[in-house]
């Protein structure tokens, strides 16, 4: 599992429609769900969905 992913998901739990994991992070999640193994990366690859971002996401981000 990617280090810190659970903390990130918990911290941004009210904003799940405003971002998506990609790359090694997404592969790690999918492989874990299917029972497979994947060499976890050391970073979180995230794309922000600009069309639905709001000020509360920014506030949460800056609190981090």
N, C-alpha and C. Protein backbone atom coordinates (compact mmCIF):
# COMPACT_ATOMS: atom_id res chain seq x y z
N UNK A 1 0.84 -1.18 0.00
CA UNK A 1 0.00 0.00 0.00
C UNK A 1 0.88 1.25 0.00
N UNK A 2 0.46 2.25 -0.71
CA UNK A 2 1.18 3.52 -0.78
C UNK A 2 1.12 4.18 0.60
N UNK A 3 2.28 4.53 1.12
CA UNK A 3 2.38 5.16 2.43
C UNK A 3 1.59 6.48 2.44
N UNK A 4 0.69 6.63 3.40
CA UNK A 4 -0.06 7.87 3.56
C UNK A 4 -1.40 7.92 2.85
N UNK A 5 -1.71 6.90 2.04
CA UNK A 5 -2.95 6.97 1.26
C UNK A 5 -4.19 6.95 2.15
N UNK A 6 -4.18 6.15 3.19
CA UNK A 6 -5.34 6.09 4.09
C UNK A 6 -5.53 7.42 4.81
N UNK A 7 -4.44 8.04 5.21
CA UNK A 7 -4.52 9.35 5.86
C UNK A 7 -5.09 10.39 4.89
N UNK A 8 -4.62 10.36 3.64
CA UNK A 8 -5.12 11.29 2.63
C UNK A 8 -6.61 11.08 2.41
N UNK A 9 -7.02 9.82 2.23
CA UNK A 9 -8.43 9.51 1.97
C UNK A 9 -9.31 9.94 3.14
N UNK A 10 -8.83 9.75 4.36
CA UNK A 10 -9.60 10.18 5.53
C UNK A 10 -9.69 11.70 5.59
N UNK A 11 -8.58 12.37 5.36
CA UNK A 11 -8.54 13.83 5.45
C UNK A 11 -9.43 14.48 4.41
N UNK A 12 -9.49 13.90 3.20
CA UNK A 12 -10.28 14.46 2.11
C UNK A 12 -11.57 13.68 1.87
N UNK A 13 -12.09 13.02 2.91
CA UNK A 13 -13.28 12.17 2.77
C UNK A 13 -14.50 12.92 2.24
N UNK A 14 -14.59 14.21 2.49
CA UNK A 14 -15.73 15.00 2.00
C UNK A 14 -15.51 15.54 0.59
N UNK A 15 -14.40 15.19 -0.03
CA UNK A 15 -14.04 15.74 -1.34
C UNK A 15 -13.73 14.66 -2.37
N UNK A 16 -14.24 13.46 -2.19
CA UNK A 16 -13.87 12.34 -3.07
C UNK A 16 -14.27 12.56 -4.52
N UNK A 17 -15.22 13.43 -4.77
CA UNK A 17 -15.65 13.72 -6.15
C UNK A 17 -14.78 14.80 -6.81
N UNK A 18 -13.77 15.28 -6.09
CA UNK A 18 -12.95 16.38 -6.59
C UNK A 18 -11.53 15.97 -6.97
N UNK A 19 -11.21 14.69 -6.84
CA UNK A 19 -9.88 14.21 -7.22
C UNK A 19 -9.97 12.75 -7.64
N UNK A 20 -8.93 12.29 -8.32
CA UNK A 20 -8.83 10.88 -8.70
C UNK A 20 -7.36 10.48 -8.61
N UNK A 21 -7.13 9.26 -8.11
CA UNK A 21 -5.77 8.73 -8.07
C UNK A 21 -5.43 8.15 -9.44
N UNK A 22 -4.17 8.31 -9.85
CA UNK A 22 -3.70 7.77 -11.13
C UNK A 22 -2.37 7.07 -10.90
N UNK A 23 -1.83 6.50 -11.95
CA UNK A 23 -0.49 5.92 -11.93
C UNK A 23 -0.34 4.78 -10.95
N UNK A 24 0.82 4.74 -10.30
CA UNK A 24 1.14 3.68 -9.37
C UNK A 24 0.19 3.62 -8.19
N UNK A 25 -0.31 4.77 -7.77
CA UNK A 25 -1.27 4.80 -6.67
C UNK A 25 -2.54 4.06 -7.05
N UNK A 26 -3.07 4.37 -8.24
CA UNK A 26 -4.29 3.70 -8.71
C UNK A 26 -4.05 2.21 -8.91
N UNK A 27 -2.91 1.84 -9.47
CA UNK A 27 -2.59 0.42 -9.67
C UNK A 27 -2.52 -0.31 -8.34
N UNK A 28 -1.93 0.31 -7.35
CA UNK A 28 -1.83 -0.30 -6.03
C UNK A 28 -3.21 -0.55 -5.44
N UNK A 29 -4.11 0.41 -5.56
CA UNK A 29 -5.48 0.26 -5.04
C UNK A 29 -6.19 -0.88 -5.76
N UNK A 30 -6.13 -0.89 -7.08
CA UNK A 30 -6.82 -1.93 -7.86
C UNK A 30 -6.26 -3.32 -7.59
N UNK A 31 -4.95 -3.43 -7.51
CA UNK A 31 -4.35 -4.74 -7.26
C UNK A 31 -4.69 -5.25 -5.86
N UNK A 32 -4.70 -4.35 -4.89
CA UNK A 32 -5.05 -4.76 -3.53
C UNK A 32 -6.50 -5.24 -3.47
N UNK A 33 -7.41 -4.53 -4.16
CA UNK A 33 -8.82 -4.92 -4.18
C UNK A 33 -9.03 -6.27 -4.84
N UNK A 34 -8.19 -6.61 -5.81
CA UNK A 34 -8.35 -7.87 -6.53
C UNK A 34 -7.52 -9.01 -5.91
N UNK A 35 -6.82 -8.71 -4.83
CA UNK A 35 -6.04 -9.73 -4.14
C UNK A 35 -4.65 -9.94 -4.70
N UNK A 36 -4.26 -9.11 -5.65
CA UNK A 36 -2.93 -9.22 -6.24
C UNK A 36 -1.90 -8.42 -5.48
N UNK A 37 -0.68 -8.50 -5.95
CA UNK A 37 0.40 -7.74 -5.33
C UNK A 37 0.94 -6.73 -6.34
N UNK A 38 1.40 -5.61 -5.83
CA UNK A 38 1.94 -4.55 -6.66
C UNK A 38 3.01 -3.85 -5.85
N UNK A 39 4.09 -3.51 -6.50
CA UNK A 39 5.15 -2.77 -5.81
C UNK A 39 4.68 -1.33 -5.63
N UNK A 40 4.35 -0.99 -4.41
CA UNK A 40 3.80 0.33 -4.13
C UNK A 40 4.82 1.43 -4.41
N UNK A 41 4.32 2.53 -4.91
CA UNK A 41 5.17 3.69 -5.13
C UNK A 41 5.27 4.47 -3.83
N UNK A 42 6.09 5.50 -3.83
CA UNK A 42 6.30 6.27 -2.61
C UNK A 42 5.64 7.64 -2.66
N UNK A 43 4.79 7.84 -3.65
CA UNK A 43 4.12 9.13 -3.76
C UNK A 43 2.66 8.91 -4.11
N UNK A 44 1.87 9.96 -3.97
CA UNK A 44 0.47 9.92 -4.36
C UNK A 44 0.32 10.66 -5.68
N UNK A 45 -0.13 9.95 -6.70
CA UNK A 45 -0.39 10.57 -8.00
C UNK A 45 -1.86 10.94 -8.05
N UNK A 46 -2.14 12.24 -8.11
CA UNK A 46 -3.51 12.73 -8.00
C UNK A 46 -3.79 13.73 -9.11
N UNK A 47 -4.98 13.62 -9.69
CA UNK A 47 -5.47 14.63 -10.63
C UNK A 47 -6.65 15.31 -9.96
N UNK A 48 -6.61 16.63 -9.91
CA UNK A 48 -7.73 17.39 -9.36
C UNK A 48 -8.74 17.66 -10.47
N UNK A 49 -10.01 17.53 -10.15
CA UNK A 49 -11.07 17.76 -11.13
C UNK A 49 -11.53 19.21 -10.97
N UNK A 50 -10.95 20.06 -11.80
CA UNK A 50 -11.13 21.51 -11.69
C UNK A 50 -12.60 21.93 -11.74
N UNK A 51 -13.38 21.26 -12.57
CA UNK A 51 -14.78 21.65 -12.75
C UNK A 51 -15.60 21.57 -11.46
N UNK A 52 -15.17 20.76 -10.51
CA UNK A 52 -15.95 20.60 -9.28
C UNK A 52 -15.20 21.04 -8.02
N UNK A 53 -13.99 21.58 -8.18
CA UNK A 53 -13.27 22.08 -7.01
C UNK A 53 -13.99 23.27 -6.42
N UNK A 54 -13.96 23.36 -5.11
CA UNK A 54 -14.55 24.51 -4.45
C UNK A 54 -13.60 25.00 -3.35
N UNK A 55 -13.98 26.08 -2.72
CA UNK A 55 -13.09 26.68 -1.73
C UNK A 55 -12.87 25.77 -0.52
N UNK A 56 -13.83 24.90 -0.20
CA UNK A 56 -13.64 24.02 0.95
C UNK A 56 -12.52 23.00 0.69
N UNK A 57 -12.34 22.59 -0.57
CA UNK A 57 -11.21 21.70 -0.88
C UNK A 57 -9.91 22.44 -0.61
N UNK A 58 -9.82 23.67 -1.08
CA UNK A 58 -8.62 24.47 -0.85
C UNK A 58 -8.36 24.69 0.63
N UNK A 59 -9.41 24.96 1.38
CA UNK A 59 -9.26 25.14 2.83
C UNK A 59 -8.72 23.86 3.48
N UNK A 60 -9.28 22.72 3.09
CA UNK A 60 -8.83 21.44 3.64
C UNK A 60 -7.38 21.18 3.25
N UNK A 61 -7.04 21.46 2.00
CA UNK A 61 -5.68 21.25 1.51
C UNK A 61 -4.68 22.08 2.30
N UNK A 62 -4.98 23.35 2.53
CA UNK A 62 -4.04 24.22 3.22
C UNK A 62 -3.92 23.90 4.70
N UNK A 63 -4.96 23.27 5.29
CA UNK A 63 -4.87 22.84 6.68
C UNK A 63 -3.87 21.70 6.84
N UNK A 64 -3.74 20.91 5.77
CA UNK A 64 -2.85 19.76 5.80
C UNK A 64 -1.43 20.22 5.97
